[in-house]
Amino acid sequence: MDQTHLTLHTDKYQINMMYAHWKNGTHQKIRTFEAYFRKNPFQGGYAVFAGLERILQYLEELRFDESDIAYLREQEENYDEAFLEELKQFAFTGDVYAVQEGTIVFPNEPLIRVEGRLFEIQLVETAILNFMNYQTLIATKAARIKHAAPDGILLEFGTRRAQEASAALWGARAAVIGGFDATSNLLAGKLFGIPTKGTHAHAFVQDANSELEAFEAYARALPDHVTLLVDTYDTLKSGVPNAIKVGLLLKEQGKTLRGIRLDSGDLAYLSREARKMLDAAGLNEVKIVASNDLDEYTIQSLKSQGAKIDTWGVGTKLITAQDSPSLGGVYKLVAKLEGEEWLPTIKISGNPEKVTTPGRKQLMRIVNRHSGRAEADYLMDMEESLEGVQKLKLFDPIHTYLHKFVTDFDAVPLHKLVYRNGKRAEAAPTLEELKQYHEAQKEMFWSEYLRNLNPERYPVDLSQQVWDTKMRLIAEHTKKEG
C-alpha cells in the first residue's frame, strides 16, 4: 500500500460536495478560500507560519489513481461513473497566495489564499489545514523555546514521541524554521538538509562491564564526536568523573571531548557541579547538554537558577506541542467570481469570533520607517492601494473607537504568489534561508509582542472599505434571516 499517495487524504464531505457541485453544474465556478487561525497557540502573542512546502508538494502530486477510483466506486453514495471519469482527469490548476514560511503571524490573518475551480479548491481544504495547523504549531513552539534560550544550541529530539513518522519528519523541519539547530532524525536530515546530532543511549553503558569501559569504547569508535551520557548510574559520583577520565585521555591524543549529557535529576544543580568538575580538570571546552522533558518554561526556570547548560535537547513537549496540541486553523469561502465581478461572501455565526471577514484581501505589514518596527498588520481589499497615502488610520475592528494614525510608514505585502495555474510560481527557498528569514522577522517587532508570558496584543486591523463591506453583509444577512 502506497501511503505517500495523499489524494484521498481528505474528509469524505469534500468528495460529496465535489459530487454535488458536479451534479448541479456548478463545479467550474471560480471561488476564493482563505486559511487562517482564530487564536494564538500556547497562550502566546503570535504564531510562526509553516507547512507551505508540504502543501505545495501535495498540490503537485494531486491525482486520482485507479485504486482511488475503485475505492470511491465502493462507497455507499454510489457516485455516477461519469463523475469518477471526471476525477481521472483531475489536476490542481488553481492559484495559491501565501505568506512565507517563518513569517510571524497573528489571528484572523489569511495565511493562504486559494483561488480556482470549486471542483479543485474544495478538495484540498482538509490537507491544507492538516499541514498548516501542525507545522505552524511546531514552528511556534520552537520559536518560544528559542526565545527562552537565545544563545544556546537547540536540538530536536522528538521522533520517538511524535504522532507517527510524517509528524516526526515535518515537525523536525518546522522546528528548524522556528530556530532549532539540528535534529536526531536521520531521515529528516537526509530529506531537508538538517544537521543531525546524537550521542548514545543508557543501554550502551549498561551493556558494558563498567561505565568507564563503555565510555572508552565509544571514544575509540568515534574519537572526533564524543559526547557521553553521564546519568546511567550516578551523575556526579560516577558519570562525570568517568567522562573526565576519557576527556583527559582524548586530550593526550590531540582530540577533544565534545560534551557530556544530563538526562535526569536536578539539571540546574547537576550542571553547575559538573561544570566545576570539568573546569577543575582543565576541560573548560567541554559542553554540557541537557534533555528530559524540556520546554520554554523549564529552560527559563533552569537559567534563572544558574544552570550551566550549553545545549538543549527538546523532544516530547516540542514535537507534540503538548500544551497546545491544536491550532484550530480554518478554511473559509470569502469571494465568488460572477461574470467579471468578484462578490464578497460572509459566514454569520452566533459566536462572534466565527464571523468571517469577506472579500479577496491583501495582507500588509505597516512598518515605521524610523524605528523599523511593525505598527500593525492591515487587511485591505485587493482593489485598494496604499500608494501615495501619507496618513493611515488604524482602528480596532471590534472596538472601533480605539484607533491611531500612522505617518511615514512602509506597507510591506506579506502575500506572495506561490502557485499559478497549477504550477509553482518560484523555486522553494532553502531551509536555512527560511530560518534566517524568521530571525530577521523577529527584529521587526517590539519585545512586548513576542515575550512568552503575558504578551501585548499585536493589532490586526481592517481597512475602512473591508470593514464597511463586512458590516453591510452582516446587516443584509441579518435582515434577510429576520
Protein backbone atom coordinates (compact mmCIF):
# COMPACT_ATOMS: atom_id res chain seq x y z
CA MET A 1 0.00 0.00 0.00
CA ASP A 2 1.40 3.40 -1.06
CA GLN A 3 0.84 5.62 1.94
CA THR A 4 2.69 8.54 0.33
CA HIS A 5 -0.14 9.00 -2.19
CA LEU A 6 -2.31 11.63 -0.48
CA THR A 7 -5.17 12.43 -2.86
CA LEU A 8 -7.69 10.77 -0.53
CA HIS A 9 -6.10 12.46 2.48
CA THR A 10 -9.32 14.39 2.86
CA ASP A 11 -12.66 14.32 4.63
CA LYS A 12 -15.44 12.50 2.84
CA TYR A 13 -17.67 15.53 2.76
CA GLN A 14 -15.19 17.19 0.40
CA ILE A 15 -15.82 14.46 -2.17
CA ASN A 16 -19.57 14.69 -1.55
CA MET A 17 -19.52 18.46 -2.10
CA MET A 18 -17.47 17.99 -5.27
CA TYR A 19 -20.07 15.50 -6.45
CA ALA A 20 -22.98 17.81 -5.59
CA HIS A 21 -21.33 20.69 -7.47
CA TRP A 22 -20.69 18.39 -10.44
CA LYS A 23 -24.29 17.13 -10.49
CA ASN A 24 -25.59 20.70 -10.37
CA GLY A 25 -23.16 22.04 -12.94
CA THR A 26 -21.51 24.46 -10.52
CA HIS A 27 -18.15 22.70 -10.27
CA GLN A 28 -16.47 25.04 -12.76
CA LYS A 29 -17.33 28.15 -10.75
CA ILE A 30 -14.31 30.22 -9.67
CA ARG A 31 -14.06 30.89 -5.96
CA THR A 32 -11.63 32.17 -3.32
CA PHE A 33 -10.96 30.49 0.02
CA GLU A 34 -8.70 31.72 2.81
CA ALA A 35 -6.95 29.71 5.52
CA TYR A 36 -6.28 31.32 8.89
CA PHE A 37 -6.44 30.65 12.63
CA ARG A 38 -8.55 32.42 15.22
CA LYS A 39 -6.48 32.20 18.40
CA ASN A 40 -2.75 32.24 19.17
CA PRO A 41 -1.38 28.92 20.44
CA PHE A 42 0.36 28.42 23.81
CA GLN A 43 -1.44 31.48 25.25
CA GLY A 44 1.16 33.47 23.36
CA GLY A 45 1.12 36.62 21.29
CA TYR A 46 1.94 35.24 17.85
CA ALA A 47 2.49 32.19 15.67
CA VAL A 48 5.18 31.23 13.14
CA PHE A 49 3.75 30.12 9.83
CA ALA A 50 4.99 26.78 8.48
CA GLY A 51 3.74 23.94 6.30
CA LEU A 52 3.71 25.65 2.92
CA GLU A 53 6.33 23.42 1.30
CA ARG A 54 4.36 20.32 2.31
CA ILE A 55 1.21 21.89 0.85
CA LEU A 56 2.88 22.71 -2.47
CA GLN A 57 4.30 19.20 -2.78
CA TYR A 58 0.82 17.83 -2.12
CA LEU A 59 -0.72 20.03 -4.82
CA GLU A 60 1.90 19.00 -7.35
CA GLU A 61 1.19 15.31 -6.79
CA LEU A 62 -2.60 15.56 -6.63
CA ARG A 63 -4.04 12.86 -8.90
CA PHE A 64 -6.75 10.21 -8.54
CA ASP A 65 -5.20 6.86 -9.46
CA GLU A 66 -7.05 3.66 -10.29
CA SER A 67 -7.07 2.48 -6.67
CA ASP A 68 -8.65 5.78 -5.58
CA ILE A 69 -11.36 5.48 -8.21
CA ALA A 70 -12.00 1.86 -7.29
CA TYR A 71 -12.36 2.79 -3.63
CA LEU A 72 -14.76 5.64 -4.38
CA ARG A 73 -16.80 3.30 -6.56
CA GLU A 74 -17.38 1.15 -3.47
CA GLN A 75 -18.84 3.98 -1.38
CA GLU A 76 -22.49 3.94 -0.36
CA GLU A 77 -23.16 7.22 -2.17
CA ASN A 78 -22.99 5.31 -5.48
CA TYR A 79 -21.30 8.13 -7.39
CA ASP A 80 -22.04 8.34 -11.12
CA GLU A 81 -19.44 6.71 -13.33
CA ALA A 82 -19.20 9.93 -15.31
CA PHE A 83 -18.13 11.71 -12.11
CA LEU A 84 -15.46 9.08 -11.49
CA GLU A 85 -14.27 9.52 -15.05
CA GLU A 86 -14.01 13.26 -14.38
CA LEU A 87 -11.83 12.52 -11.36
CA LYS A 88 -9.44 10.52 -13.53
CA GLN A 89 -8.60 13.77 -15.35
CA PHE A 90 -8.24 15.75 -12.13
CA ALA A 91 -5.27 18.07 -11.55
CA PHE A 92 -4.95 21.14 -9.40
CA THR A 93 -4.85 24.13 -11.76
CA GLY A 94 -5.61 26.94 -9.32
CA ASP A 95 -3.58 29.79 -7.83
CA VAL A 96 -2.20 29.95 -4.30
CA TYR A 97 -1.04 33.06 -2.48
CA ALA A 98 0.64 32.64 0.89
CA VAL A 99 2.88 34.28 3.43
CA GLN A 100 6.40 32.86 3.50
CA GLU A 101 7.23 30.12 5.97
CA GLY A 102 8.90 31.63 9.01
CA THR A 103 6.69 34.71 8.97
CA ILE A 104 5.43 35.87 12.36
CA VAL A 105 1.65 35.89 12.01
CA PHE A 106 -1.45 36.62 14.06
CA PRO A 107 -5.08 35.53 14.43
CA ASN A 108 -7.57 36.17 11.62
CA GLU A 109 -4.90 36.88 9.02
CA PRO A 110 -5.29 35.00 5.72
CA LEU A 111 -2.10 32.95 5.65
CA ILE A 112 -3.07 31.13 2.47
CA ARG A 113 -5.46 32.26 -0.26
CA VAL A 114 -6.58 29.62 -2.75
CA GLU A 115 -8.36 30.56 -5.99
CA GLY A 116 -9.69 28.32 -8.73
CA ARG A 117 -12.46 25.94 -9.71
CA LEU A 118 -14.73 24.85 -6.88
CA PHE A 119 -14.12 21.28 -8.02
CA GLU A 120 -10.44 21.65 -7.09
CA ILE A 121 -10.23 24.08 -4.22
CA GLN A 122 -12.90 22.30 -2.19
CA LEU A 123 -10.94 19.03 -2.26
CA VAL A 124 -7.72 20.50 -0.85
CA GLU A 125 -9.17 22.05 2.32
CA THR A 126 -8.50 19.16 4.68
CA ALA A 127 -4.90 18.56 3.66
CA ILE A 128 -4.01 22.26 3.65
CA LEU A 129 -5.34 22.68 7.18
CA ASN A 130 -3.68 19.47 8.37
CA PHE A 131 -0.25 20.54 7.14
CA MET A 132 -0.58 24.21 8.10
CA ASN A 133 -2.01 23.61 11.56
CA TYR A 134 0.55 21.05 12.69
CA GLN A 135 3.70 22.63 11.30
CA THR A 136 2.72 26.13 12.42
CA LEU A 137 2.26 24.77 15.93
CA ILE A 138 5.72 23.18 15.96
CA ALA A 139 7.47 26.20 14.44
CA THR A 140 5.77 28.43 17.02
CA LYS A 141 6.74 26.17 19.91
CA ALA A 142 10.32 26.09 18.62
CA ALA A 143 10.40 29.89 18.43
CA ARG A 144 9.20 30.14 22.01
CA ILE A 145 11.94 27.77 23.14
CA LYS A 146 14.47 29.79 21.16
CA HIS A 147 13.21 32.89 22.96
CA ALA A 148 13.94 31.18 26.29
CA ALA A 149 17.43 30.08 25.21
CA PRO A 150 18.57 32.62 22.59
CA ASP A 151 22.27 31.81 22.95
CA GLY A 152 22.01 28.04 23.38
CA ILE A 153 22.25 25.27 20.81
CA LEU A 154 18.82 23.68 20.29
CA LEU A 155 18.44 20.03 19.28
CA GLU A 156 15.14 18.47 18.21
CA PHE A 157 14.90 15.03 19.84
CA GLY A 158 11.22 14.23 19.38
CA THR A 159 10.95 11.42 16.83
CA ARG A 160 10.05 8.58 19.18
CA ARG A 161 7.29 10.63 20.81
CA ALA A 162 5.83 12.15 17.63
CA GLN A 163 2.41 11.12 16.35
CA GLU A 164 3.83 8.87 13.62
CA ALA A 165 6.59 9.19 11.04
CA SER A 166 5.31 12.12 8.97
CA ALA A 167 4.86 14.24 12.09
CA ALA A 168 8.42 13.46 13.14
CA LEU A 169 9.84 14.42 9.73
CA TRP A 170 7.92 17.60 9.06
CA GLY A 171 7.98 18.54 12.73
CA ALA A 172 11.78 18.48 12.64
CA ARG A 173 11.74 20.80 9.62
CA ALA A 174 9.26 23.17 11.28
CA ALA A 175 11.43 23.24 14.41
CA VAL A 176 14.38 24.46 12.35
CA ILE A 177 12.26 27.23 10.84
CA GLY A 178 11.43 28.30 14.40
CA GLY A 179 15.09 28.44 15.44
CA PHE A 180 16.39 24.94 16.17
CA ASP A 181 19.87 23.96 15.02
CA ALA A 182 19.78 20.19 14.48
CA THR A 183 17.68 17.05 14.76
CA SER A 184 18.23 13.49 15.89
CA ASN A 185 16.14 12.22 12.95
CA LEU A 186 18.37 10.94 10.16
CA LEU A 187 15.63 10.85 7.53
CA ALA A 188 14.72 14.47 8.25
CA GLY A 189 18.41 15.27 7.89
CA LYS A 190 18.56 13.48 4.56
CA LEU A 191 15.36 14.96 3.11
CA PHE A 192 15.71 18.54 4.33
CA GLY A 193 19.43 19.03 4.85
CA ILE A 194 19.12 19.50 8.61
CA PRO A 195 22.31 18.85 10.63
CA THR A 196 21.93 15.66 12.68
CA LYS A 197 23.20 15.06 16.20
CA GLY A 198 23.28 12.09 18.54
CA THR A 199 25.19 10.53 21.42
CA HIS A 200 24.46 7.08 22.83
CA ALA A 201 21.76 5.53 25.00
CA HIS A 202 21.86 4.23 28.56
CA ALA A 203 21.76 0.72 27.08
CA PHE A 204 25.26 1.20 25.64
CA VAL A 205 26.57 1.85 29.15
CA GLN A 206 24.54 -0.95 30.73
CA ASP A 207 25.82 -3.47 28.21
CA ALA A 208 29.47 -2.91 29.14
CA ASN A 209 31.25 -4.32 32.20
CA SER A 210 31.59 -0.80 33.60
CA GLU A 211 30.64 2.75 32.78
CA LEU A 212 34.26 3.69 32.17
CA GLU A 213 34.68 0.76 29.79
CA ALA A 214 31.60 1.91 27.85
CA PHE A 215 32.88 5.47 27.60
CA GLU A 216 36.31 4.30 26.43
CA ALA A 217 34.76 2.02 23.82
CA TYR A 218 32.59 4.82 22.48
CA ALA A 219 35.58 7.18 22.33
CA ARG A 220 37.63 4.61 20.41
CA ALA A 221 34.84 4.24 17.87
CA LEU A 222 34.08 7.93 17.36
CA PRO A 223 37.09 9.87 18.69
CA ASP A 224 36.10 13.12 16.98
CA HIS A 225 32.45 13.01 18.01
CA VAL A 226 32.39 12.08 21.68
CA THR A 227 29.52 13.27 23.85
CA LEU A 228 28.91 11.00 26.83
CA LEU A 229 25.64 10.32 28.63
CA VAL A 230 26.62 10.51 32.30
CA ASP A 231 23.48 9.70 34.30
CA THR A 232 23.13 5.92 33.86
CA TYR A 233 24.23 5.22 37.45
CA ASP A 234 25.31 8.26 39.48
CA THR A 235 25.92 11.50 37.63
CA LEU A 236 28.38 13.21 39.99
CA LYS A 237 30.00 10.22 41.67
CA SER A 238 30.43 8.07 38.58
CA GLY A 239 29.31 9.57 35.27
CA VAL A 240 31.13 12.89 35.27
CA PRO A 241 34.36 11.50 36.82
CA ASN A 242 34.49 8.74 34.20
CA ALA A 243 33.77 11.24 31.43
CA ILE A 244 36.64 13.38 32.73
CA LYS A 245 38.99 10.39 32.55
CA VAL A 246 38.03 9.83 28.93
CA GLY A 247 38.26 13.57 28.21
CA LEU A 248 41.82 13.71 29.54
CA LEU A 249 42.74 10.61 27.53
CA LEU A 250 41.36 12.20 24.38
CA LYS A 251 43.29 15.36 25.14
CA GLU A 252 46.52 13.38 25.26
CA GLN A 253 45.66 12.09 21.79
CA GLY A 254 45.05 15.60 20.46
CA LYS A 255 41.31 15.04 20.50
CA THR A 256 38.51 16.79 22.39
CA LEU A 257 35.62 15.51 24.46
CA ARG A 258 32.78 17.46 22.89
CA GLY A 259 30.34 17.23 25.73
CA ILE A 260 28.51 15.42 28.47
CA ARG A 261 24.76 14.91 28.50
CA LEU A 262 22.46 15.13 31.52
CA ASP A 263 19.13 13.39 31.06
CA SER A 264 17.67 13.19 34.58
CA GLY A 265 17.79 14.66 38.06
CA ASP A 266 18.09 18.28 39.13
CA LEU A 267 19.53 19.69 35.92
CA ALA A 268 20.35 23.09 37.45
CA TYR A 269 22.34 21.63 40.35
CA LEU A 270 23.94 18.83 38.33
CA SER A 271 25.03 21.16 35.54
CA ARG A 272 26.61 23.62 37.98
CA GLU A 273 28.51 20.85 39.77
CA ALA A 274 29.53 19.17 36.52
CA ARG A 275 30.84 22.47 35.20
CA LYS A 276 33.00 22.91 38.29
CA MET A 277 34.39 19.38 37.95
CA LEU A 278 35.13 19.75 34.23
CA ASP A 279 36.81 23.13 34.69
CA ALA A 280 38.88 21.87 37.62
CA ALA A 281 40.15 19.06 35.37
CA GLY A 282 41.15 21.55 32.68
CA LEU A 283 38.29 20.54 30.39
CA ASN A 284 36.80 24.01 30.05
CA GLU A 285 35.96 23.39 26.39
CA VAL A 286 33.60 20.51 27.14
CA LYS A 287 29.97 21.49 26.65
CA ILE A 288 27.06 20.40 28.81
CA VAL A 289 23.98 19.07 27.03
CA ALA A 290 20.67 18.70 28.86
CA SER A 291 17.47 16.86 28.00
CA ASN A 292 14.50 15.40 29.92
CA ASP A 293 11.04 16.81 29.09
CA LEU A 294 12.25 20.34 28.46
CA ASP A 295 10.19 23.23 27.17
CA GLU A 296 10.44 27.02 27.24
CA TYR A 297 9.20 27.25 30.82
CA THR A 298 11.60 24.64 32.19
CA ILE A 299 14.51 26.17 30.30
CA GLN A 300 13.71 29.65 31.61
CA SER A 301 13.49 28.27 35.14
CA LEU A 302 16.81 26.42 34.82
CA LYS A 303 18.52 29.53 33.51
CA SER A 304 17.16 31.57 36.41
CA GLN A 305 18.74 29.00 38.75
CA GLY A 306 22.15 29.50 37.19
CA ALA A 307 22.22 26.24 35.22
CA LYS A 308 25.44 25.78 33.26
CA ILE A 309 23.87 24.26 30.15
CA ASP A 310 25.13 24.98 26.64
CA THR A 311 22.90 22.75 24.53
CA TRP A 312 19.26 21.86 24.99
CA GLY A 313 17.75 18.64 23.66
CA VAL A 314 13.99 19.09 23.38
CA GLY A 315 11.69 16.23 22.43
CA THR A 316 8.18 15.37 23.59
CA LYS A 317 6.88 18.81 24.50
CA LEU A 318 8.08 20.28 21.22
CA ILE A 319 7.13 17.63 18.67
CA THR A 320 3.66 17.10 20.18
CA ALA A 321 3.05 20.78 21.00
CA GLN A 322 2.00 19.29 24.30
CA ASP A 323 0.47 22.31 25.99
CA SER A 324 -1.46 23.45 22.89
CA PRO A 325 -1.84 20.44 20.58
CA SER A 326 -4.27 22.00 18.09
CA LEU A 327 -4.04 25.30 16.22
CA GLY A 328 -7.65 25.32 15.06
CA GLY A 329 -6.99 26.79 11.63
CA VAL A 330 -9.98 27.15 9.29
CA TYR A 331 -10.56 27.41 5.52
CA LYS A 332 -13.41 29.70 4.53
CA LEU A 333 -15.07 30.87 1.32
CA VAL A 334 -14.61 34.65 1.04
CA ALA A 335 -15.41 35.56 -2.59
CA LYS A 336 -17.23 34.34 -5.70
CA LEU A 337 -16.44 35.30 -9.28
CA GLU A 338 -19.72 36.04 -11.08
CA GLY A 339 -19.07 37.09 -14.65
CA GLU A 340 -16.29 39.64 -14.40
CA GLU A 341 -17.06 40.70 -10.85
CA TRP A 342 -15.76 39.33 -7.57
CA LEU A 343 -18.56 39.26 -4.97
CA PRO A 344 -17.60 39.06 -1.27
CA THR A 345 -19.22 36.33 0.83
CA ILE A 346 -19.62 36.08 4.59
CA LYS A 347 -20.35 33.41 7.18
CA ILE A 348 -22.53 34.58 10.08
CA SER A 349 -22.32 32.81 13.43
CA GLY A 350 -23.77 33.00 16.91
CA ASN A 351 -20.15 33.01 18.04
CA PRO A 352 -18.83 36.47 17.06
CA GLU A 353 -15.27 35.19 16.62
CA LYS A 354 -16.52 32.84 13.88
CA VAL A 355 -17.95 35.58 11.67
CA THR A 356 -15.70 35.72 8.61
CA THR A 357 -14.19 38.80 7.00
CA PRO A 358 -15.47 38.85 3.41
CA GLY A 359 -13.68 39.53 0.15
CA ARG A 360 -10.34 38.89 -1.53
CA LYS A 361 -7.84 40.61 0.70
CA GLN A 362 -4.23 41.74 0.75
CA LEU A 363 -2.23 41.35 3.96
CA MET A 364 0.11 44.26 4.59
CA ARG A 365 2.55 44.88 7.43
CA ILE A 366 2.71 48.54 8.40
CA VAL A 367 6.32 49.32 9.35
CA ASN A 368 7.51 52.55 10.91
CA ARG A 369 10.34 53.95 8.79
CA HIS A 370 12.16 55.46 11.76
CA SER A 371 12.14 52.53 14.17
CA GLY A 372 11.92 49.72 11.60
CA ARG A 373 9.26 48.16 13.84
CA ALA A 374 5.86 46.88 12.81
CA GLU A 375 2.96 49.11 13.88
CA ALA A 376 0.17 46.73 12.84
CA ASP A 377 -0.95 44.31 10.17
CA TYR A 378 -3.54 45.64 7.78
CA LEU A 379 -6.15 43.80 5.72
CA MET A 380 -7.40 45.63 2.67
CA ASP A 381 -9.33 44.73 -0.46
CA MET A 382 -7.41 43.51 -3.49
CA GLU A 383 -8.54 46.63 -5.37
CA GLU A 384 -7.20 49.02 -2.73
CA SER A 385 -3.77 50.62 -2.75
CA LEU A 386 -1.72 52.49 -0.17
CA GLU A 387 0.43 54.15 -2.79
CA GLY A 388 0.62 57.86 -2.03
CA VAL A 389 -1.15 57.52 1.33
CA GLN A 390 0.61 59.81 3.80
CA LYS A 391 -1.61 59.30 6.82
CA LEU A 392 -3.24 55.96 7.58
CA LYS A 393 -5.95 55.40 10.16
CA LEU A 394 -5.66 52.11 12.06
CA PHE A 395 -8.66 51.12 14.15
CA ASP A 396 -9.56 48.08 16.19
CA PRO A 397 -12.09 46.03 14.16
CA ILE A 398 -14.00 45.08 17.33
CA HIS A 399 -13.72 48.26 19.39
CA THR A 400 -13.64 50.78 16.55
CA TYR A 401 -13.25 53.81 18.83
CA LEU A 402 -9.73 52.58 19.56
CA HIS A 403 -7.63 53.99 16.76
CA LYS A 404 -4.43 55.77 15.85
CA PHE A 405 -2.94 57.46 12.81
CA VAL A 406 0.43 56.47 11.36
CA THR A 407 2.59 58.52 9.05
CA ASP A 408 5.98 57.94 7.45
CA PHE A 409 5.43 54.21 7.08
CA ASP A 410 6.10 51.42 4.63
CA ALA A 411 3.37 48.93 3.73
CA VAL A 412 5.07 45.56 3.25
CA PRO A 413 2.96 42.99 1.37
CA LEU A 414 3.08 39.59 3.08
CA HIS A 415 1.33 37.51 0.42
CA LYS A 416 3.32 36.02 -2.44
CA LEU A 417 2.02 34.13 -5.46
CA VAL A 418 3.47 30.68 -4.85
CA TYR A 419 1.39 28.53 -7.21
CA ARG A 420 -0.03 29.72 -10.52
CA ASN A 421 -2.19 27.82 -13.00
CA GLY A 422 -1.26 24.51 -11.42
CA LYS A 423 2.50 25.07 -11.20
CA ARG A 424 4.94 26.52 -8.69
CA ALA A 425 5.50 30.18 -9.30
CA GLU A 426 9.06 30.18 -7.96
CA ALA A 427 11.74 27.89 -6.59
CA ALA A 428 11.37 26.91 -2.97
CA PRO A 429 13.70 28.73 -0.54
CA THR A 430 16.18 26.60 1.34
CA LEU A 431 15.51 25.65 4.94
CA GLU A 432 18.45 27.77 6.08
CA GLU A 433 17.03 30.76 4.18
CA LEU A 434 13.69 30.27 5.95
CA LYS A 435 15.40 30.08 9.33
CA GLN A 436 17.32 33.29 8.66
CA TYR A 437 14.16 34.95 7.37
CA HIS A 438 12.40 34.10 10.62
CA GLU A 439 15.29 35.54 12.64
CA ALA A 440 15.00 38.77 10.65
CA GLN A 441 11.25 38.81 11.23
CA LYS A 442 11.77 38.96 14.97
CA GLU A 443 13.70 42.21 14.61
CA MET A 444 10.57 43.89 13.23
CA PHE A 445 8.62 43.54 16.48
CA TRP A 446 8.84 45.13 19.88
CA SER A 447 9.69 42.54 22.51
CA GLU A 448 6.36 43.10 24.26
CA TYR A 449 4.60 41.26 21.43
CA LEU A 450 6.98 38.29 21.39
CA ARG A 451 7.50 37.54 25.07
CA ASN A 452 6.37 34.11 26.22
CA LEU A 453 4.36 35.25 29.24
CA ASN A 454 1.53 37.80 29.11
CA PRO A 455 2.39 39.28 25.71
CA GLU A 456 0.88 42.51 24.49
CA ARG A 457 -1.78 42.00 21.77
CA TYR A 458 -0.50 42.94 18.33
CA PRO A 459 -3.03 44.92 16.22
CA VAL A 460 -4.53 43.31 13.12
CA ASP A 461 -6.71 45.98 11.53
CA LEU A 462 -9.14 46.20 8.63
CA SER A 463 -9.25 48.93 6.05
CA GLN A 464 -12.36 51.11 6.17
CA GLN A 465 -13.52 49.51 2.91
CA VAL A 466 -13.17 45.95 4.21
CA TRP A 467 -14.86 46.86 7.50
CA ASP A 468 -17.73 48.60 5.66
CA THR A 469 -18.23 45.55 3.44
CA LYS A 470 -18.32 43.28 6.46
CA MET A 471 -20.86 45.45 8.27
CA ARG A 472 -23.02 45.71 5.11
CA LEU A 473 -23.12 41.95 4.61
CA ILE A 474 -23.88 41.31 8.27
CA ALA A 475 -26.79 43.76 8.04
CA GLU A 476 -28.06 42.24 4.80
CA HIS A 477 -27.99 38.68 6.07
CA THR A 478 -29.47 39.62 9.44
CA LYS A 479 -32.36 41.39 7.67
CA LYS A 480 -32.84 38.51 5.25
CA GLU A 481 -32.98 35.91 8.01
CA GLY A 482 -35.17 38.11 10.18
